[in-house]
Amino acid sequence: MPETISNADLWERTCQLPAEELIRKRRWGWIGHTLRKPSTNITRQALRWNPQGKRKRGRPRNTWRRDLEADTRKMGYTWSQIEKMAQDRGLWRAVVGAPYPDRSDGH
């Protein structure tokens, strides 16, 4: 009979991150890259774009923007703090690499 182990044990044994955590880190890495671009850059402008119009009936879908806002709240920062931190690559890497609740970076 094959051995059954939990996902957490599997990730630990294989020195891997859960897919959700890996996606979160890569998303925030890209956001930092984008926030270091000039404010006139279309990619940076897209981060603040808020489409208008009617939505379909039912529960709203979880959008990339909603995920971003939820991550920001979990990290305990405001968007202006995030924009400022992204300018310092070393600090940004430390913030992106830290688990959500850790605010040990002093900001």
Protein backbone atom coordinates (compact mmCIF):
# COMPACT_ATOMS: atom_id res chain seq x y z
CA MET A 1 0.00 0.00 0.00
CA PRO A 2 1.44 3.42 -0.95
CA GLU A 3 2.37 5.85 1.79
CA THR A 4 -0.07 8.75 2.17
CA ILE A 5 1.33 12.13 3.22
CA SER A 6 -0.17 15.58 3.56
CA ASN A 7 0.52 18.31 1.02
CA ALA A 8 2.43 20.29 3.66
CA ASP A 9 4.73 17.32 4.30
CA LEU A 10 5.20 16.80 0.57
CA TRP A 11 6.16 20.46 0.03
CA GLU A 12 8.60 20.25 2.94
CA ARG A 13 10.19 17.00 1.74
CA THR A 14 10.61 18.30 -1.81
CA CYS A 15 11.64 21.84 -0.78
CA GLN A 16 8.79 23.24 -2.89
CA LEU A 17 6.31 26.04 -2.29
CA PRO A 18 2.57 25.54 -2.65
CA ALA A 19 1.42 26.66 -6.11
CA GLU A 20 -0.67 29.45 -4.56
CA GLU A 21 2.39 30.88 -2.80
CA LEU A 22 4.54 30.65 -5.94
CA ILE A 23 1.87 32.47 -7.97
CA ARG A 24 1.58 35.16 -5.29
CA LYS A 25 5.36 35.77 -5.26
CA ARG A 26 5.58 35.96 -9.05
CA ARG A 27 2.56 38.28 -9.25
CA TRP A 28 4.09 40.66 -6.73
CA GLY A 29 7.48 40.46 -8.44
CA TRP A 30 5.83 41.59 -11.67
CA ILE A 31 3.92 44.34 -9.85
CA GLY A 32 7.18 45.68 -8.38
CA HIS A 33 8.75 45.64 -11.85
CA THR A 34 5.74 47.51 -13.24
CA LEU A 35 5.67 50.08 -10.42
CA ARG A 36 9.29 51.02 -11.13
CA LYS A 37 8.32 52.08 -14.66
CA PRO A 38 7.42 55.72 -15.42
CA SER A 39 3.87 56.74 -14.51
CA THR A 40 3.19 57.35 -18.23
CA ASN A 41 3.84 53.67 -19.04
CA ILE A 42 0.65 51.91 -20.19
CA THR A 43 1.39 48.82 -18.09
CA ARG A 44 1.66 50.92 -14.94
CA GLN A 45 -1.52 52.81 -15.81
CA ALA A 46 -3.34 49.49 -16.21
CA LEU A 47 -2.72 48.69 -12.52
CA ARG A 48 -5.00 51.57 -11.55
CA TRP A 49 -7.54 51.16 -14.34
CA ASN A 50 -11.08 50.59 -13.10
CA PRO A 51 -13.42 49.45 -15.89
CA GLN A 52 -16.95 50.82 -15.80
CA GLY A 53 -20.17 49.24 -16.96
CA LYS A 54 -22.74 46.63 -16.06
CA ARG A 55 -21.84 43.23 -14.71
CA LYS A 56 -23.55 39.91 -15.19
CA ARG A 57 -25.94 38.56 -12.59
CA GLY A 58 -24.71 36.45 -9.72
CA ARG A 59 -21.67 36.45 -7.51
CA PRO A 60 -18.90 38.68 -8.86
CA ARG A 61 -15.96 36.73 -10.22
CA ASN A 62 -12.69 37.00 -8.42
CA THR A 63 -10.65 39.29 -10.64
CA TRP A 64 -6.92 39.91 -10.72
CA ARG A 65 -7.57 43.34 -9.21
CA ARG A 66 -9.59 41.88 -6.33
CA ASP A 67 -6.82 39.37 -5.65
CA LEU A 68 -4.34 42.25 -5.64
CA GLU A 69 -6.45 44.27 -3.19
CA ALA A 70 -6.91 41.24 -0.92
CA ASP A 71 -3.15 40.57 -0.92
CA THR A 72 -2.49 44.22 -0.10
CA ARG A 73 -4.84 44.04 2.90
CA LYS A 74 -3.28 40.76 4.09
CA MET A 75 0.18 42.30 3.88
CA GLY A 76 -1.04 45.28 5.93
CA TYR A 77 0.09 47.99 3.51
CA THR A 78 -1.63 50.76 1.61
CA TRP A 79 -1.23 51.07 -2.15
CA SER A 80 0.88 54.24 -1.75
CA GLN A 81 3.23 52.36 0.62
CA ILE A 82 3.53 49.56 -1.92
CA GLU A 83 4.35 52.03 -4.71
CA LYS A 84 7.06 53.59 -2.55
CA MET A 85 8.56 50.25 -1.44
CA ALA A 86 8.69 48.95 -5.02
CA GLN A 87 11.25 51.64 -5.89
CA ASP A 88 13.82 49.92 -3.62
CA ARG A 89 14.49 46.51 -5.19
CA GLY A 90 16.15 45.04 -2.10
CA LEU A 91 13.28 46.05 0.16
CA TRP A 92 10.77 44.88 -2.44
CA ARG A 93 12.35 41.42 -2.64
CA ALA A 94 12.23 41.15 1.16
CA VAL A 95 8.57 42.21 1.27
CA VAL A 96 7.52 39.92 -1.59
CA GLY A 97 9.44 36.98 -0.14
CA ALA A 98 7.95 37.32 3.35
CA PRO A 99 4.82 35.43 4.38
CA TYR A 100 1.68 37.59 4.61
CA PRO A 101 1.46 38.48 8.30
CA ASP A 102 5.15 39.37 8.75
CA ARG A 103 5.73 43.12 8.88
CA SER A 104 9.23 42.81 10.36
CA ASP A 105 10.67 45.10 7.67
CA GLY A 106 9.77 48.16 9.76
CA HIS A 107 7.31 49.70 7.28
